[in-house]
């Protein structure tokens, strides 16, 4: 199995990975445009556009789009993230031409009908309300807003009720013209697909797509600032995130940060899970994450605890972060590498995961990256490098967001001072 890549005359990148044992194909169009490419007045328009793409074209109604793909047993969907938007489908291999045709139709001829627009705006308003009513969703939105204050990268992907209701059909068409061009798009398929046949289908449907987006300016450079956000709610549990500036995809320490996240909170054997949940019973859920972006990143610890656990929780987490800057065992590094390798290999068994991985690599690095190359990068990591990264990362400015009964949660200044001075025994529990 290997990835094949071609480029059409208009600059559109087309890639496939043939998995001959499969009868299905996962395919999609990934666009290098997401919520951070919006102006302040456009907050939420990328997500609304993703919804509206399925609401009718010159050739198909919204119902036609749904029924044509489901008549052959296929699936179609889309997703908006901070830096990309994806439109994707999964079908049996004989129905790939239909899927390519529908995807091209919604990206080249969407009408953005006024009646459909008003209906979808109402749907998204409900989605925003549901997110605000769900503390474990809301805490993540507040987290990025606090970490990247007053920046597009920190804003909620959904937008606000005011901005979402303000958008017109003309604004959607204008945003698509400015952001969607062949130079910023990749079309990828994985599964029972033959590369040359797929390229011909894509050429037929996307060959006339505009070579360049009208707006080529890069989004504002992100600046991590950190800070404190706490929202008292009358709940039975508290949702808490403690975070620090992470590493961008291209940064030297990106993969080291991924592995460090696994060691600290990537599974049941991880340090935080064992110490905070298993040994002390201070929360019912705790894990770490590291999100990379094109020019920055963010490292976070998410914990969910009852209203009586907030006072004891943070000192124990801080102890573990400090300890990571002093010592990491070789066995922990080996275990994290094994988890990483297993995750990569298991994802290769899913055509949807493979298509998404290939698309992400093409947009970020301009080429697909093989499993062996990734493992070589991991093989170069040492415990000394990870402890050095930990000491630097966790002594930077923290971000804390908390929702629920969080009145007894440790103050931000105390957290910052404890981590920057590396004096674990001075933290009272």
Protein backbone atom coordinates (compact mmCIF):
# COMPACT_ATOMS: atom_id res chain seq x y z
CA UNK A 1 0.00 0.00 0.00
CA UNK A 2 1.34 3.44 -0.95
CA UNK A 3 -0.03 6.89 -1.53
CA UNK A 4 -0.12 8.19 -5.09
CA UNK A 5 -0.32 11.91 -5.75
CA UNK A 6 -1.19 13.82 -8.93
CA UNK A 7 -1.83 17.47 -9.69
CA UNK A 8 -4.35 18.74 -12.18
CA UNK A 9 -3.59 21.58 -14.58
CA UNK A 10 -5.41 24.06 -12.31
CA UNK A 11 -3.17 23.09 -9.38
CA UNK A 12 -5.64 20.84 -7.54
CA UNK A 13 -3.89 18.01 -5.66
CA UNK A 14 -5.43 14.54 -5.98
CA UNK A 15 -4.22 11.63 -3.84
CA UNK A 16 -5.25 8.02 -3.33
CA UNK A 17 -4.29 5.06 -1.23
CA UNK A 18 -5.48 1.78 -2.68
CA UNK A 19 -6.64 -0.80 -0.15
CA UNK A 20 -7.48 -3.66 -2.54
CA UNK A 21 -9.23 -5.85 0.06
CA UNK A 22 -11.96 -3.22 0.56
CA UNK A 23 -15.20 -2.87 -1.37
CA UNK A 24 -15.76 0.69 -0.16
CA UNK A 25 -14.03 4.03 -0.73
CA UNK A 26 -13.78 7.03 1.58
CA UNK A 27 -13.23 10.20 -0.36
CA UNK A 28 -13.48 13.90 0.18
CA UNK A 29 -12.39 17.44 -0.52
CA UNK A 30 -10.34 19.20 2.16
CA UNK A 31 -9.98 22.97 2.01
CA UNK A 32 -7.30 24.99 3.77
CA UNK A 33 -9.87 27.36 5.21
CA UNK A 34 -11.48 27.25 8.63
CA UNK A 35 -12.67 29.44 11.44
CA UNK A 36 -9.35 31.29 11.84
CA UNK A 37 -9.64 32.57 8.27
CA UNK A 38 -12.73 34.60 9.18
CA UNK A 39 -12.75 38.30 9.97
CA UNK A 40 -14.35 39.33 13.25
CA UNK A 41 -17.57 40.20 11.40
CA UNK A 42 -17.52 36.78 9.69
CA UNK A 43 -17.32 34.80 12.93
CA UNK A 44 -19.08 31.49 12.22
CA UNK A 45 -19.42 31.85 8.45
CA UNK A 46 -17.08 28.93 7.62
CA UNK A 47 -19.27 26.59 9.68
CA UNK A 48 -22.48 27.98 8.18
CA UNK A 49 -21.07 27.53 4.68
CA UNK A 50 -20.31 23.90 5.48
CA UNK A 51 -23.97 23.41 6.45
CA UNK A 52 -25.33 25.33 3.47
CA UNK A 53 -23.33 23.35 0.92
CA UNK A 54 -25.83 20.51 1.31
CA UNK A 55 -28.92 22.72 0.94
CA UNK A 56 -29.28 22.74 -2.81
CA UNK A 57 -27.43 23.39 -6.07
CA UNK A 58 -28.45 24.30 -9.58
CA UNK A 59 -29.01 20.60 -10.34
CA UNK A 60 -30.04 19.14 -6.99
CA UNK A 61 -32.30 20.06 -4.12
CA UNK A 62 -31.26 19.38 -0.53
CA UNK A 63 -33.42 16.25 -0.63
CA UNK A 64 -31.84 15.13 -3.93
CA UNK A 65 -28.35 15.35 -2.42
CA UNK A 66 -29.37 13.18 0.53
CA UNK A 67 -31.41 10.63 -1.41
CA UNK A 68 -28.95 10.15 -4.29
CA UNK A 69 -26.13 9.18 -1.99
CA UNK A 70 -28.32 7.10 0.32
CA UNK A 71 -30.05 5.34 -2.60
CA UNK A 72 -26.72 3.56 -3.16
CA UNK A 73 -26.10 2.99 0.55
CA UNK A 74 -23.53 5.76 0.85
CA UNK A 75 -22.91 8.45 3.43
CA UNK A 76 -22.03 12.12 3.02
CA UNK A 77 -21.07 14.74 5.59
CA UNK A 78 -18.80 17.69 6.32
CA UNK A 79 -16.83 19.23 9.18
CA UNK A 80 -15.28 22.60 9.99
CA UNK A 81 -12.17 23.00 12.13
CA UNK A 82 -9.91 25.88 13.05
CA UNK A 83 -7.78 25.63 9.90
CA UNK A 84 -9.66 23.37 7.47
CA UNK A 85 -13.10 22.45 6.17
CA UNK A 86 -13.81 18.95 4.86
CA UNK A 87 -16.60 17.60 2.66
CA UNK A 88 -16.50 13.82 2.50
CA UNK A 89 -18.39 10.68 1.54
CA UNK A 90 -18.15 6.93 1.82
CA UNK A 91 -19.56 4.68 -0.89
CA UNK A 92 -19.07 1.31 -2.49
CA UNK A 93 -16.30 1.49 -5.06
CA UNK A 94 -18.65 1.34 -8.06
CA UNK A 95 -20.35 4.53 -6.85
CA UNK A 96 -17.23 6.71 -6.62
CA UNK A 97 -18.19 8.69 -9.77
CA UNK A 98 -21.53 9.60 -8.16
CA UNK A 99 -19.83 10.74 -4.94
CA UNK A 100 -17.30 12.86 -6.85
CA UNK A 101 -20.13 14.40 -8.87
CA UNK A 102 -22.12 15.33 -5.75
CA UNK A 103 -19.08 16.75 -3.97
CA UNK A 104 -18.17 18.85 -6.99
CA UNK A 105 -21.78 19.99 -7.35
CA UNK A 106 -22.02 21.32 -3.78
CA UNK A 107 -18.63 23.06 -4.06
CA UNK A 108 -19.13 24.64 -7.49
CA UNK A 109 -22.86 25.30 -7.76
CA UNK A 110 -24.41 25.74 -4.32
CA UNK A 111 -27.30 28.22 -4.44
CA UNK A 112 -27.36 29.29 -0.78
CA UNK A 113 -31.09 29.82 -1.16
CA UNK A 114 -32.57 32.44 1.20
CA UNK A 115 -35.28 30.16 2.59
CA UNK A 116 -32.79 27.36 3.23
CA UNK A 117 -30.36 29.88 4.74
CA UNK A 118 -32.91 31.14 7.27
CA UNK A 119 -33.77 27.58 8.23
CA UNK A 120 -30.12 26.58 8.67
CA UNK A 121 -29.33 29.71 10.68
CA UNK A 122 -32.06 28.62 13.09
CA UNK A 123 -30.51 25.13 13.27
CA UNK A 124 -27.10 26.58 14.15
CA UNK A 125 -28.63 28.83 16.81
CA UNK A 126 -29.94 25.66 18.44
CA UNK A 127 -26.47 24.13 18.11
CA UNK A 128 -24.92 27.15 19.85
CA UNK A 129 -27.50 26.93 22.63
CA UNK A 130 -26.86 23.22 23.10
CA UNK A 131 -23.10 23.84 23.36
CA UNK A 132 -23.59 26.55 25.97
CA UNK A 133 -25.86 24.22 27.97
CA UNK A 134 -23.24 21.44 27.91
CA UNK A 135 -20.43 22.32 30.36
CA UNK A 136 -17.94 19.80 28.99
CA UNK A 137 -18.35 21.44 25.54
CA UNK A 138 -18.49 25.03 26.77
CA UNK A 139 -15.32 24.69 28.84
CA UNK A 140 -13.28 23.95 25.69
CA UNK A 141 -14.64 27.01 23.89
CA UNK A 142 -13.79 29.17 26.89
CA UNK A 143 -10.36 27.53 27.02
CA UNK A 144 -9.32 28.51 23.49
CA UNK A 145 -10.89 31.96 23.86
CA UNK A 146 -8.81 32.54 27.00
CA UNK A 147 -5.58 31.07 25.63
CA UNK A 148 -5.78 33.11 22.40
CA UNK A 149 -7.73 36.12 23.59
CA UNK A 150 -9.23 38.45 20.92
CA UNK A 151 -7.90 36.30 18.05
CA UNK A 152 -9.69 34.34 15.34
CA UNK A 153 -7.88 31.13 16.33
CA UNK A 154 -9.46 31.32 19.77
CA UNK A 155 -13.03 31.98 18.70
CA UNK A 156 -15.72 29.31 18.75
CA UNK A 157 -16.19 27.61 15.39
CA UNK A 158 -19.98 27.94 15.70
CA UNK A 159 -20.03 31.74 15.81
CA UNK A 160 -22.43 33.81 17.89
CA UNK A 161 -26.22 34.20 17.50
CA UNK A 162 -25.65 37.77 16.31
CA UNK A 163 -23.11 36.94 13.61
CA UNK A 164 -24.83 33.77 12.40
CA UNK A 165 -28.15 35.58 11.95
CA UNK A 166 -26.48 38.43 10.06
CA UNK A 167 -25.05 36.42 7.15
CA UNK A 168 -26.53 36.68 3.66
CA UNK A 169 -26.32 34.45 0.61
CA UNK A 170 -24.01 36.99 -1.02
CA UNK A 171 -21.61 36.84 1.94
CA UNK A 172 -21.45 33.04 1.70
CA UNK A 173 -20.65 33.20 -2.02
CA UNK A 174 -18.06 35.90 -1.36
CA UNK A 175 -16.36 33.90 1.42
CA UNK A 176 -16.18 30.84 -0.83
CA UNK A 177 -14.66 32.84 -3.69
CA UNK A 178 -12.05 34.37 -1.38
CA UNK A 179 -11.13 31.17 0.44
CA UNK A 180 -11.76 28.23 -1.91
CA UNK A 181 -9.29 27.74 -4.74
CA UNK A 182 -7.58 24.71 -6.26
CA UNK A 183 -4.29 25.86 -4.73
CA UNK A 184 -5.82 25.46 -1.25
CA UNK A 185 -7.70 22.20 -1.80
CA UNK A 186 -6.91 18.50 -1.91
CA UNK A 187 -9.12 15.65 -3.08
CA UNK A 188 -8.28 12.34 -1.43
CA UNK A 189 -9.66 8.80 -1.63
CA UNK A 190 -8.72 5.66 0.29
CA UNK A 191 -10.07 2.14 -0.11
CA UNK A 192 -10.99 0.09 -3.18
CA UNK A 193 -9.97 2.84 -5.58
CA UNK A 194 -7.71 2.92 -8.64
CA UNK A 195 -5.61 6.07 -8.83
CA UNK A 196 -5.77 6.91 -12.54
CA UNK A 197 -9.52 6.31 -12.72
CA UNK A 198 -10.07 8.51 -9.70
CA UNK A 199 -7.91 11.30 -11.14
CA UNK A 200 -9.96 11.20 -14.35
CA UNK A 201 -13.20 11.54 -12.40
CA UNK A 202 -11.83 14.44 -10.39
CA UNK A 203 -10.48 16.12 -13.53
CA UNK A 204 -13.91 15.81 -15.15
CA UNK A 205 -15.69 17.47 -12.21
CA UNK A 206 -13.07 19.84 -10.76
CA UNK A 207 -10.81 20.57 -13.73
CA UNK A 208 -12.42 23.98 -14.29
CA UNK A 209 -12.36 25.02 -10.62
CA UNK A 210 -10.64 28.39 -10.12
CA UNK A 211 -6.88 27.87 -9.77
CA UNK A 212 -6.47 30.33 -6.90
CA UNK A 213 -8.66 31.68 -4.16
CA UNK A 214 -9.28 35.41 -4.54
CA UNK A 215 -7.84 36.13 -1.08
CA UNK A 216 -4.38 34.67 -0.59
CA UNK A 217 -3.37 36.59 2.53
CA UNK A 218 -2.45 34.38 5.46
CA UNK A 219 -4.52 34.56 8.63
CA UNK A 220 -3.26 36.63 11.55
CA UNK A 221 -0.27 35.06 13.29
CA UNK A 222 -1.45 33.46 16.53
CA UNK A 223 -0.15 34.65 19.89
CA UNK A 224 -0.73 32.49 22.94
CA UNK A 225 -1.49 34.74 25.93
CA UNK A 226 -2.97 32.46 28.63
CA UNK A 227 -5.26 33.60 31.40
CA UNK A 228 -8.07 32.67 33.75
CA UNK A 229 -11.79 32.05 33.14
CA UNK A 230 -14.12 30.68 35.82
CA UNK A 231 -17.88 30.37 35.60
CA UNK A 232 -19.84 29.41 38.66
CA UNK A 233 -22.79 27.16 37.80
CA UNK A 234 -25.09 25.18 40.04
CA UNK A 235 -23.92 21.77 38.84
CA UNK A 236 -23.01 18.47 40.43
CA UNK A 237 -19.62 18.37 38.75
CA UNK A 238 -16.88 20.78 37.70
CA UNK A 239 -15.24 20.86 34.28
CA UNK A 240 -11.65 22.12 34.48
CA UNK A 241 -8.90 22.60 31.88
CA UNK A 242 -5.34 23.63 32.69
CA UNK A 243 -3.27 24.46 29.62
CA UNK A 244 0.02 25.81 28.30
CA UNK A 245 1.43 26.95 25.00
CA UNK A 246 2.03 23.92 22.79
CA UNK A 247 4.00 23.39 19.61
CA UNK A 248 3.05 23.97 15.97
CA UNK A 249 2.98 21.10 13.48
CA UNK A 250 6.33 22.13 12.01
CA UNK A 251 8.07 22.78 15.32
CA UNK A 252 10.91 20.52 16.46
CA UNK A 253 9.08 19.54 19.67
CA UNK A 254 5.71 18.75 18.08
CA UNK A 255 6.06 14.97 18.25
CA UNK A 256 7.78 15.17 21.62
CA UNK A 257 4.73 17.08 22.88
CA UNK A 258 2.42 14.38 21.48
CA UNK A 259 4.37 11.69 23.30
CA UNK A 260 4.52 13.71 26.51
CA UNK A 261 0.73 14.01 26.36
CA UNK A 262 0.46 10.23 26.16
CA UNK A 263 2.78 9.74 29.13
CA UNK A 264 0.90 12.19 31.32
CA UNK A 265 -2.69 11.45 30.38
CA UNK A 266 -3.00 9.25 27.32
CA UNK A 267 -4.50 6.14 28.86
CA UNK A 268 -5.27 4.17 32.00
CA UNK A 269 -1.56 3.61 32.70
CA UNK A 270 -0.70 7.31 32.37
CA UNK A 271 0.65 9.30 35.30
CA UNK A 272 -2.34 11.57 35.84
CA UNK A 273 -4.92 8.82 35.46
CA UNK A 274 -3.12 6.63 37.95
CA UNK A 275 -2.29 9.29 40.53
CA UNK A 276 -5.36 11.53 40.35
CA UNK A 277 -8.12 9.10 39.52
CA UNK A 278 -7.01 5.63 40.58
CA UNK A 279 -4.95 6.29 43.71
CA UNK A 280 -6.73 9.37 45.06
CA UNK A 281 -10.17 9.24 43.48
CA UNK A 282 -10.20 13.01 42.97
CA UNK A 283 -12.04 12.96 39.62
CA UNK A 284 -14.02 10.62 37.40
CA UNK A 285 -12.24 11.66 34.21
CA UNK A 286 -8.80 13.08 33.45
CA UNK A 287 -6.76 13.15 30.26
CA UNK A 288 -4.30 15.32 28.37
CA UNK A 289 -4.28 16.59 24.81
CA UNK A 290 -1.92 18.44 22.52
CA UNK A 291 -3.37 20.33 19.56
CA UNK A 292 -1.01 21.53 16.87
CA UNK A 293 -1.79 24.33 14.43
CA UNK A 294 0.21 25.79 11.55
CA UNK A 295 1.94 28.40 13.73
CA UNK A 296 1.25 27.48 17.36
CA UNK A 297 -0.18 24.78 19.58
CA UNK A 298 -1.77 24.18 22.93
CA UNK A 299 -1.20 21.53 25.60
CA UNK A 300 -4.03 20.84 28.01
CA UNK A 301 -5.22 18.71 30.92
CA UNK A 302 -8.97 18.20 31.19
CA UNK A 303 -10.46 16.96 34.45
CA UNK A 304 -14.07 16.40 35.50
CA UNK A 305 -14.70 16.13 39.23
CA UNK A 306 -17.44 16.44 41.82
CA UNK A 307 -18.01 19.64 43.74
CA UNK A 308 -15.89 18.41 46.67
CA UNK A 309 -12.77 17.56 44.61
CA UNK A 310 -11.75 20.92 43.19
CA UNK A 311 -9.63 22.06 46.14
CA UNK A 312 -7.44 18.94 46.22
CA UNK A 313 -7.31 18.33 42.47
CA UNK A 314 -5.00 21.07 41.21
CA UNK A 315 -2.12 20.57 43.71
CA UNK A 316 -1.87 16.91 42.71
CA UNK A 317 -1.87 17.77 38.99
CA UNK A 318 0.84 20.36 39.58
CA UNK A 319 2.95 17.81 41.48
CA UNK A 320 2.79 15.48 38.48
CA UNK A 321 3.69 18.22 35.99
CA UNK A 322 6.71 19.21 38.06
CA UNK A 323 7.75 15.58 38.41
CA UNK A 324 7.63 15.20 34.61
CA UNK A 325 10.20 18.00 34.36
CA UNK A 326 12.49 16.12 36.72
CA UNK A 327 12.25 12.51 35.60
CA UNK A 328 10.61 10.36 32.94
CA UNK A 329 11.25 6.65 32.86
CA UNK A 330 12.47 4.86 29.72
CA UNK A 331 9.60 2.39 30.13
CA UNK A 332 7.11 5.27 29.94
CA UNK A 333 8.66 6.55 26.73
CA UNK A 334 8.66 3.05 25.23
CA UNK A 335 5.01 2.57 26.18
CA UNK A 336 4.01 5.90 24.64
CA UNK A 337 5.88 5.05 21.43
CA UNK A 338 4.07 1.71 21.30
CA UNK A 339 0.72 3.48 21.76
CA UNK A 340 1.59 5.94 19.01
CA UNK A 341 2.65 3.17 16.61
CA UNK A 342 -0.45 1.08 17.34
CA UNK A 343 -2.67 4.10 16.78
CA UNK A 344 -1.03 4.79 13.43
CA UNK A 345 -1.28 1.19 12.24
CA UNK A 346 -4.86 0.77 13.45
CA UNK A 347 -5.89 3.94 11.67
CA UNK A 348 -4.55 2.48 8.42
CA UNK A 349 -7.30 -0.13 8.66
CA UNK A 350 -9.94 2.60 8.40
CA UNK A 351 -10.26 4.19 4.94
CA UNK A 352 -11.93 7.26 6.45
CA UNK A 353 -9.02 7.77 8.86
CA UNK A 354 -6.48 7.25 6.11
CA UNK A 355 -8.13 9.72 3.73
CA UNK A 356 -8.24 12.32 6.51
CA UNK A 357 -4.60 11.73 7.51
CA UNK A 358 -3.36 12.00 3.93
CA UNK A 359 -5.35 15.18 3.34
CA UNK A 360 -4.03 16.76 6.54
CA UNK A 361 -0.43 15.90 5.64
CA UNK A 362 -0.79 17.29 2.13
CA UNK A 363 -2.24 20.56 3.41
CA UNK A 364 0.35 20.92 6.19
CA UNK A 365 3.52 19.51 4.66
CA UNK A 366 2.78 19.37 0.95
CA UNK A 367 3.39 15.62 0.85
CA UNK A 368 2.18 12.40 2.49
CA UNK A 369 4.28 11.14 5.39
CA UNK A 370 4.73 7.39 5.75
CA UNK A 371 4.42 5.45 8.99
CA UNK A 372 8.10 4.53 8.96
CA UNK A 373 9.13 8.18 8.70
CA UNK A 374 6.89 9.05 11.65
CA UNK A 375 8.32 6.19 13.68
CA UNK A 376 11.85 7.34 12.85
CA UNK A 377 11.00 10.74 14.31
CA UNK A 378 9.68 9.09 17.45
CA UNK A 379 12.74 6.87 17.70
CA UNK A 380 14.90 9.98 18.08
CA UNK A 381 13.13 11.02 21.27
CA UNK A 382 14.92 10.50 24.59
CA UNK A 383 13.84 10.79 28.21
CA UNK A 384 16.24 13.71 28.60
CA UNK A 385 14.55 15.59 25.78
CA UNK A 386 11.09 14.92 27.22
CA UNK A 387 12.03 16.07 30.72
CA UNK A 388 13.59 19.22 29.26
CA UNK A 389 10.42 19.88 27.25
CA UNK A 390 8.28 19.32 30.35
CA UNK A 391 10.29 21.77 32.41
CA UNK A 392 10.04 24.44 29.72
CA UNK A 393 6.43 23.84 28.75
CA UNK A 394 4.93 23.77 32.26
CA UNK A 395 6.82 26.81 33.49
CA UNK A 396 5.22 28.96 30.77
CA UNK A 397 2.10 31.06 31.33
CA UNK A 398 -0.83 28.80 32.19
CA UNK A 399 -4.41 28.99 31.01
CA UNK A 400 -7.17 27.78 33.30
CA UNK A 401 -10.86 27.54 32.51
CA UNK A 402 -13.45 26.05 34.83
CA UNK A 403 -17.24 25.71 34.82
CA UNK A 404 -19.37 24.48 37.69
CA UNK A 405 -18.87 24.60 41.49
CA UNK A 406 -15.32 25.95 41.16
CA UNK A 407 -15.17 28.53 43.97
CA UNK A 408 -12.47 26.57 45.83
CA UNK A 409 -10.27 25.94 42.81
CA UNK A 410 -6.67 27.10 43.22
CA UNK A 411 -6.04 30.70 42.03
CA UNK A 412 -4.15 31.22 38.77
CA UNK A 413 -1.29 33.08 40.46
CA UNK A 414 -0.72 30.19 42.86
CA UNK A 415 -0.67 27.72 39.98
CA UNK A 416 1.76 29.87 37.99
CA UNK A 417 4.09 30.42 40.92
CA UNK A 418 4.16 26.77 41.91
CA UNK A 419 5.04 25.65 38.38
CA UNK A 420 7.54 28.37 37.61
CA UNK A 421 9.48 27.84 40.83
CA UNK A 422 9.38 24.04 40.68
CA UNK A 423 8.91 23.59 44.40
CA UNK A 424 6.42 20.71 44.69
CA UNK A 425 6.70 20.36 48.47
CA UNK A 426 5.51 23.94 48.97
CA UNK A 427 2.08 23.08 47.60
CA UNK A 428 -0.29 22.26 50.42
CA UNK A 429 -2.99 19.66 49.80
